[in-house]
Amino acid sequence: MPFQRFAGALAGAMALAPGVSVAQAAGGSPASGDAPADGAGADGVPSASPAAANTQLATTAHRSKGGASSLALPGFETMGDGSTRLFVELSRPVAYDTKVSAAAITYVLKGASAGRRNNTNPLVTVHFNTPVTSARLVPHGHDLWFVVQLRAKVQPAVTMDAAKDGSAVMRIDLPKGDYLPAASDDAKTATQPAGSAGAAPSPR
């Protein structure tokens, strides 16, 4: 089954395989400068809500060969096996650190830049069957943070793949599962067709 994909806007067209449907990233105006767009907690990690804040962060460093600056474009796609993937397209490979909290994972892309303001708009994935509710690139000093908000505790598989032309793609693969909230009884009643079970019998 073809996967679905949506990504933020960037100058130039992205090459997509046949069968891919594209939706623009949603979100408001990002913050400019060195300050994170969504604010920072005591640990320095931007969070969309108080629930995402956490004072304990586990940080993992990942080293790779890369230049001093790399433009980045984020995206999201659903895979045929039910898993989902976040990705960041880069003009060149970069080193990155990983910061983990209870409700978010932040990937610190060393020396990367969002390039255009539209690239910092959030990818809102809350309506997809994925453990991610949103993901966003946040400029932070000389680095770029990719902040992934979670609604389930998962262990992503991350790779940084370099291409022959010198560009790279950071892929964050998330396991399949049942992540969408169950429909409430009121919602089920509202969508129940007339004449179905529970309807009053017609007089004879």
C-alpha atoms as a PDB file:
ATOM      1  CA  MET A   1       0.000   0.000   0.000  1.00  0.00           C
ATOM      2  CA  PRO A   2       1.469   3.418  -0.824  1.00  0.00           C
ATOM      3  CA  PHE A   3       2.674   5.492   2.078  1.00  0.00           C
ATOM      4  CA  GLN A   4       1.525   8.981   2.916  1.00  0.00           C
ATOM      5  CA  ARG A   5       4.006  11.775   3.293  1.00  0.00           C
ATOM      6  CA  PHE A   6       3.961  15.401   4.201  1.00  0.00           C
ATOM      7  CA  ALA A   7       6.800  17.881   4.635  1.00  0.00           C
ATOM      8  CA  GLY A   8       7.471  21.566   5.159  1.00  0.00           C
ATOM      9  CA  ALA A   9       8.046  23.877   2.195  1.00  0.00           C
ATOM     10  CA  LEU A  10      11.563  24.521   0.835  1.00  0.00           C
ATOM     11  CA  ALA A  11      12.835  26.310  -2.292  1.00  0.00           C
ATOM     12  CA  GLY A  12      12.845  23.813  -5.128  1.00  0.00           C
ATOM     13  CA  ALA A  13      10.620  20.801  -5.629  1.00  0.00           C
ATOM     14  CA  MET A  14      11.105  17.569  -3.700  1.00  0.00           C
ATOM     15  CA  ALA A  15      11.285  14.413  -5.770  1.00  0.00           C
ATOM     16  CA  LEU A  16       8.685  11.904  -4.569  1.00  0.00           C
ATOM     17  CA  ALA A  17       7.968   8.347  -5.701  1.00  0.00           C
ATOM     18  CA  PRO A  18       4.671   7.620  -7.518  1.00  0.00           C
ATOM     19  CA  GLY A  19       1.795   6.921  -5.180  1.00  0.00           C
ATOM     20  CA  VAL A  20       2.967   9.422  -2.549  1.00  0.00           C
ATOM     21  CA  SER A  21       0.437  11.972  -1.363  1.00  0.00           C
ATOM     22  CA  VAL A  22       1.764  15.263   0.018  1.00  0.00           C
ATOM     23  CA  ALA A  23       0.250  17.538   2.650  1.00  0.00           C
ATOM     24  CA  GLN A  24       1.752  20.800   3.815  1.00  0.00           C
ATOM     25  CA  ALA A  25       3.038  21.064   7.370  1.00  0.00           C
ATOM     26  CA  ALA A  26       0.670  22.941   9.671  1.00  0.00           C
ATOM     27  CA  GLY A  27       1.567  25.457  12.319  1.00  0.00           C
ATOM     28  CA  GLY A  28       1.939  29.067  13.320  1.00  0.00           C
ATOM     29  CA  SER A  29       4.815  31.454  12.954  1.00  0.00           C
ATOM     30  CA  PRO A  30       8.076  30.106  14.333  1.00  0.00           C
ATOM     31  CA  ALA A  31      10.310  32.083  16.616  1.00  0.00           C
ATOM     32  CA  SER A  32      13.338  33.710  15.065  1.00  0.00           C
ATOM     33  CA  GLY A  33      16.834  34.206  16.367  1.00  0.00           C
ATOM     34  CA  ASP A  34      18.517  31.944  18.820  1.00  0.00           C
ATOM     35  CA  ALA A  35      15.572  31.399  21.178  1.00  0.00           C
ATOM     36  CA  PRO A  36      13.485  28.199  20.829  1.00  0.00           C
ATOM     37  CA  ALA A  37      10.078  28.761  19.194  1.00  0.00           C
ATOM     38  CA  ASP A  38       8.021  27.003  21.853  1.00  0.00           C
ATOM     39  CA  GLY A  39       9.922  28.195  24.900  1.00  0.00           C
ATOM     40  CA  ALA A  40      12.281  26.199  27.031  1.00  0.00           C
ATOM     41  CA  GLY A  41      11.887  24.463  30.324  1.00  0.00           C
ATOM     42  CA  ALA A  42      14.398  24.217  33.140  1.00  0.00           C
ATOM     43  CA  ASP A  43      16.280  21.605  31.115  1.00  0.00           C
ATOM     44  CA  GLY A  44      16.494  23.818  28.011  1.00  0.00           C
ATOM     45  CA  VAL A  45      14.312  21.561  25.845  1.00  0.00           C
ATOM     46  CA  PRO A  46      11.371  23.279  24.102  1.00  0.00           C
ATOM     47  CA  SER A  47       8.008  21.784  24.953  1.00  0.00           C
ATOM     48  CA  ALA A  48       4.491  22.247  23.578  1.00  0.00           C
ATOM     49  CA  SER A  49       2.807  21.763  26.957  1.00  0.00           C
ATOM     50  CA  PRO A  50       3.704  21.514  30.683  1.00  0.00           C
ATOM     51  CA  ALA A  51       3.314  17.741  30.421  1.00  0.00           C
ATOM     52  CA  ALA A  52       6.285  17.631  28.060  1.00  0.00           C
ATOM     53  CA  ALA A  53       8.650  19.230  30.585  1.00  0.00           C
ATOM     54  CA  ASN A  54      11.029  17.012  32.485  1.00  0.00           C
ATOM     55  CA  THR A  55      14.005  17.748  34.682  1.00  0.00           C
ATOM     56  CA  GLN A  56      15.807  14.491  33.893  1.00  0.00           C
ATOM     57  CA  LEU A  57      17.326  14.253  30.413  1.00  0.00           C
ATOM     58  CA  ALA A  58      19.420  11.467  28.975  1.00  0.00           C
ATOM     59  CA  THR A  59      21.806  12.800  26.326  1.00  0.00           C
ATOM     60  CA  THR A  60      23.499  10.668  23.682  1.00  0.00           C
ATOM     61  CA  ALA A  61      26.103  12.041  21.261  1.00  0.00           C
ATOM     62  CA  HIS A  62      26.394  10.787  17.686  1.00  0.00           C
ATOM     63  CA  ARG A  63      29.374  11.784  15.589  1.00  0.00           C
ATOM     64  CA  SER A  64      29.522  11.979  11.829  1.00  0.00           C
ATOM     65  CA  LYS A  65      31.547  13.744   9.176  1.00  0.00           C
ATOM     66  CA  GLY A  66      29.913  16.993   8.169  1.00  0.00           C
ATOM     67  CA  GLY A  67      30.453  20.634   7.312  1.00  0.00           C
ATOM     68  CA  ALA A  68      29.973  23.713   9.454  1.00  0.00           C
ATOM     69  CA  SER A  69      26.511  24.447   8.076  1.00  0.00           C
ATOM     70  CA  SER A  70      23.736  22.297   6.638  1.00  0.00           C
ATOM     71  CA  LEU A  71      20.251  23.316   5.503  1.00  0.00           C
ATOM     72  CA  ALA A  72      17.435  21.124   6.831  1.00  0.00           C
ATOM     73  CA  LEU A  73      13.905  20.198   5.718  1.00  0.00           C
ATOM     74  CA  PRO A  74      11.675  17.996   7.951  1.00  0.00           C
ATOM     75  CA  GLY A  75       9.026  15.506   6.889  1.00  0.00           C
ATOM     76  CA  PHE A  76       6.784  12.650   8.001  1.00  0.00           C
ATOM     77  CA  GLU A  77       5.526   9.520   6.263  1.00  0.00           C
ATOM     78  CA  THR A  78       3.461   6.437   7.060  1.00  0.00           C
ATOM     79  CA  MET A  79       4.893   3.140   5.900  1.00  0.00           C
ATOM     80  CA  GLY A  80       3.128   0.156   4.347  1.00  0.00           C
ATOM     81  CA  ASP A  81       3.770  -2.081   7.366  1.00  0.00           C
ATOM     82  CA  GLY A  82       2.006   0.314   9.774  1.00  0.00           C
ATOM     83  CA  SER A  83       5.148   1.938  11.143  1.00  0.00           C
ATOM     84  CA  THR A  84       5.855   5.650  10.727  1.00  0.00           C
ATOM     85  CA  ARG A  85       8.929   7.704   9.955  1.00  0.00           C
ATOM     86  CA  LEU A  86      10.145  11.212  10.611  1.00  0.00           C
ATOM     87  CA  PHE A  87      12.971  12.461   8.433  1.00  0.00           C
ATOM     88  CA  VAL A  88      15.151  15.523   8.045  1.00  0.00           C
ATOM     89  CA  GLU A  89      16.688  16.164   4.645  1.00  0.00           C
ATOM     90  CA  LEU A  90      20.084  17.853   4.974  1.00  0.00           C
ATOM     91  CA  SER A  91      22.357  19.530   2.449  1.00  0.00           C
ATOM     92  CA  ARG A  92      25.252  17.642   4.097  1.00  0.00           C
ATOM     93  CA  PRO A  93      25.678  15.174   6.968  1.00  0.00           C
ATOM     94  CA  VAL A  94      25.936  16.558  10.509  1.00  0.00           C
ATOM     95  CA  ALA A  95      26.808  15.260  13.959  1.00  0.00           C
ATOM     96  CA  TYR A  96      23.894  15.159  16.400  1.00  0.00           C
ATOM     97  CA  ASP A  97      23.086  14.659  20.068  1.00  0.00           C
ATOM     98  CA  THR A  98      19.921  13.025  21.429  1.00  0.00           C
ATOM     99  CA  LYS A  99      18.100  14.379  24.493  1.00  0.00           C
ATOM    100  CA  VAL A 100      15.334  12.162  25.912  1.00  0.00           C
ATOM    101  CA  SER A 101      12.611  13.233  28.349  1.00  0.00           C
ATOM    102  CA  ALA A 102       9.319  11.672  29.404  1.00  0.00           C
ATOM    103  CA  ALA A 103       7.243  13.306  26.669  1.00  0.00           C
ATOM    104  CA  ALA A 104       9.741  14.345  23.993  1.00  0.00           C
ATOM    105  CA  ILE A 105      12.921  13.438  22.164  1.00  0.00           C
ATOM    106  CA  THR A 106      15.140  16.247  20.928  1.00  0.00           C
ATOM    107  CA  TYR A 107      17.770  15.724  18.245  1.00  0.00           C
ATOM    108  CA  VAL A 108      20.421  18.461  18.334  1.00  0.00           C
ATOM    109  CA  LEU A 109      21.737  18.826  14.780  1.00  0.00           C
ATOM    110  CA  LYS A 110      25.189  20.377  15.068  1.00  0.00           C
ATOM    111  CA  GLY A 111      25.837  23.345  12.803  1.00  0.00           C
ATOM    112  CA  ALA A 112      22.553  22.911  10.913  1.00  0.00           C
ATOM    113  CA  SER A 113      20.213  25.673   9.792  1.00  0.00           C
ATOM    114  CA  ALA A 114      16.525  25.640   8.848  1.00  0.00           C
ATOM    115  CA  GLY A 115      17.224  27.897   5.882  1.00  0.00           C
ATOM    116  CA  ARG A 116      13.658  29.186   5.458  1.00  0.00           C
ATOM    117  CA  ARG A 117      11.147  30.093   8.182  1.00  0.00           C
ATOM    118  CA  ASN A 118       8.581  27.708   6.668  1.00  0.00           C
ATOM    119  CA  ASN A 119      10.906  24.826   7.489  1.00  0.00           C
ATOM    120  CA  THR A 120      10.353  25.516  11.207  1.00  0.00           C
ATOM    121  CA  ASN A 121       6.579  25.079  10.982  1.00  0.00           C
ATOM    122  CA  PRO A 122       5.489  22.052  13.056  1.00  0.00           C
ATOM    123  CA  LEU A 123       4.601  18.728  11.483  1.00  0.00           C
ATOM    124  CA  VAL A 124       1.272  17.973  13.201  1.00  0.00           C
ATOM    125  CA  THR A 125       0.790  14.195  13.215  1.00  0.00           C
ATOM    126  CA  VAL A 126      -1.756  13.820  16.037  1.00  0.00           C
ATOM    127  CA  HIS A 127      -4.427  12.441  13.664  1.00  0.00           C
ATOM    128  CA  PHE A 128      -2.113   9.720  12.313  1.00  0.00           C
ATOM    129  CA  ASN A 129      -1.665   6.342  14.001  1.00  0.00           C
ATOM    130  CA  THR A 130       1.814   7.193  15.266  1.00  0.00           C
ATOM    131  CA  PRO A 131       3.392   7.707  18.697  1.00  0.00           C
ATOM    132  CA  VAL A 132       4.353  11.233  17.576  1.00  0.00           C
ATOM    133  CA  THR A 133       1.912  14.117  18.073  1.00  0.00           C
ATOM    134  CA  SER A 134       4.127  16.770  16.476  1.00  0.00           C
ATOM    135  CA  ALA A 135       7.693  17.450  15.398  1.00  0.00           C
ATOM    136  CA  ARG A 136       9.416  20.748  14.768  1.00  0.00           C
ATOM    137  CA  LEU A 137      12.779  22.232  13.820  1.00  0.00           C
ATOM    138  CA  VAL A 138      13.820  24.899  16.345  1.00  0.00           C
ATOM    139  CA  PRO A 139      16.845  27.169  15.737  1.00  0.00           C
ATOM    140  CA  HIS A 140      19.032  27.203  18.853  1.00  0.00           C
ATOM    141  CA  GLY A 141      22.290  29.153  18.711  1.00  0.00           C
ATOM    142  CA  HIS A 142      24.565  27.659  16.071  1.00  0.00           C
ATOM    143  CA  ASP A 143      22.599  24.392  16.066  1.00  0.00           C
ATOM    144  CA  LEU A 144      19.155  23.207  15.046  1.00  0.00           C
ATOM    145  CA  TRP A 145      16.920  21.202  17.373  1.00  0.00           C
ATOM    146  CA  PHE A 146      14.431  18.679  15.988  1.00  0.00           C
ATOM    147  CA  VAL A 147      11.904  18.408  18.836  1.00  0.00           C
ATOM    148  CA  VAL A 148       9.629  15.350  18.657  1.00  0.00           C
ATOM    149  CA  GLN A 149       6.613  15.356  21.001  1.00  0.00           C
ATOM    150  CA  LEU A 150       5.397  11.861  21.967  1.00  0.00           C
ATOM    151  CA  ARG A 151       2.159  10.386  23.308  1.00  0.00           C
ATOM    152  CA  ALA A 152       3.650   6.925  23.892  1.00  0.00           C
ATOM    153  CA  LYS A 153       6.993   5.698  25.157  1.00  0.00           C
ATOM    154  CA  VAL A 154       8.844   4.188  22.205  1.00  0.00           C
ATOM    155  CA  GLN A 155      12.420   3.516  21.132  1.00  0.00           C
ATOM    156  CA  PRO A 156      13.012   5.058  17.685  1.00  0.00           C
ATOM    157  CA  ALA A 157      15.617   3.693  15.282  1.00  0.00           C
ATOM    158  CA  VAL A 158      17.735   6.579  13.929  1.00  0.00           C
ATOM    159  CA  THR A 159      20.058   6.596  10.941  1.00  0.00           C
ATOM    160  CA  MET A 160      22.012   9.337   9.146  1.00  0.00           C
ATOM    161  CA  ASP A 161      22.462   8.269   5.526  1.00  0.00           C
ATOM    162  CA  ALA A 162      24.772  10.199   3.211  1.00  0.00           C
ATOM    163  CA  ALA A 163      24.103  10.404  -0.532  1.00  0.00           C
ATOM    164  CA  LYS A 164      26.624  10.481  -3.377  1.00  0.00           C
ATOM    165  CA  ASP A 165      25.895  14.154  -4.063  1.00  0.00           C
ATOM    166  CA  GLY A 166      27.029  15.094  -0.534  1.00  0.00           C
ATOM    167  CA  SER A 167      23.539  15.518   0.940  1.00  0.00           C
ATOM    168  CA  ALA A 168      22.120  13.369   3.732  1.00  0.00           C
ATOM    169  CA  VAL A 169      18.837  12.199   5.265  1.00  0.00           C
ATOM    170  CA  MET A 170      18.278  11.625   8.958  1.00  0.00           C
ATOM    171  CA  ARG A 171      15.587   8.947   9.372  1.00  0.00           C
ATOM    172  CA  ILE A 172      13.734   8.327  12.626  1.00  0.00           C
ATOM    173  CA  ASP A 173      11.693   5.122  12.378  1.00  0.00           C
ATOM    174  CA  LEU A 174       8.917   4.538  14.915  1.00  0.00           C
ATOM    175  CA  PRO A 175       7.255   1.158  15.596  1.00  0.00           C
ATOM    176  CA  LYS A 176       3.695   0.391  14.592  1.00  0.00           C
ATOM    177  CA  GLY A 177       0.981   0.131  17.234  1.00  0.00           C
ATOM    178  CA  ASP A 178      -2.429   1.435  18.318  1.00  0.00           C
ATOM    179  CA  TYR A 179      -1.716   5.046  19.211  1.00  0.00           C
ATOM    180  CA  LEU A 180      -4.950   6.804  18.264  1.00  0.00           C
ATOM    181  CA  PRO A 181      -7.308   7.426  21.207  1.00  0.00           C
ATOM    182  CA  ALA A 182     -10.432   5.267  21.274  1.00  0.00           C
ATOM    183  CA  ALA A 183     -13.656   6.940  20.176  1.00  0.00           C
ATOM    184  CA  SER A 184     -15.870   8.014  23.073  1.00  0.00           C
ATOM    185  CA  ASP A 185     -19.367   6.584  23.605  1.00  0.00           C
ATOM    186  CA  ASP A 186     -20.883   9.999  22.763  1.00  0.00           C
ATOM    187  CA  ALA A 187     -19.059  10.047  19.429  1.00  0.00           C
ATOM    188  CA  LYS A 188     -20.245   6.520  18.633  1.00  0.00           C
ATOM    189  CA  THR A 189     -23.858   7.479  19.447  1.00  0.00           C
ATOM    190  CA  ALA A 190     -23.651  10.595  17.268  1.00  0.00           C
ATOM    191  CA  THR A 191     -22.517   8.545  14.286  1.00  0.00           C
ATOM    192  CA  GLN A 192     -24.980   5.672  14.809  1.00  0.00           C
ATOM    193  CA  PRO A 193     -27.328   5.430  11.775  1.00  0.00           C
ATOM    194  CA  ALA A 194     -31.091   5.806  12.205  1.00  0.00           C
ATOM    195  CA  GLY A 195     -32.959   2.520  12.620  1.00  0.00           C
ATOM    196  CA  SER A 196     -29.950   0.783  14.184  1.00  0.00           C
ATOM    197  CA  ALA A 197     -29.994  -1.108  17.448  1.00  0.00           C
ATOM    198  CA  GLY A 198     -31.328   0.977  20.316  1.00  0.00           C
ATOM    199  CA  ALA A 199     -33.804   2.998  18.212  1.00  0.00           C
ATOM    200  CA  ALA A 200     -37.443   3.134  19.336  1.00  0.00           C
ATOM    201  CA  PRO A 201     -39.698   0.674  17.437  1.00  0.00           C
ATOM    202  CA  SER A 202     -42.154   2.169  14.952  1.00  0.00           C
ATOM    203  CA  PRO A 203     -45.896   2.002  15.950  1.00  0.00           C
ATOM    204  CA  ARG A 204     -48.138  -0.517  14.168  1.00  0.00           C
END
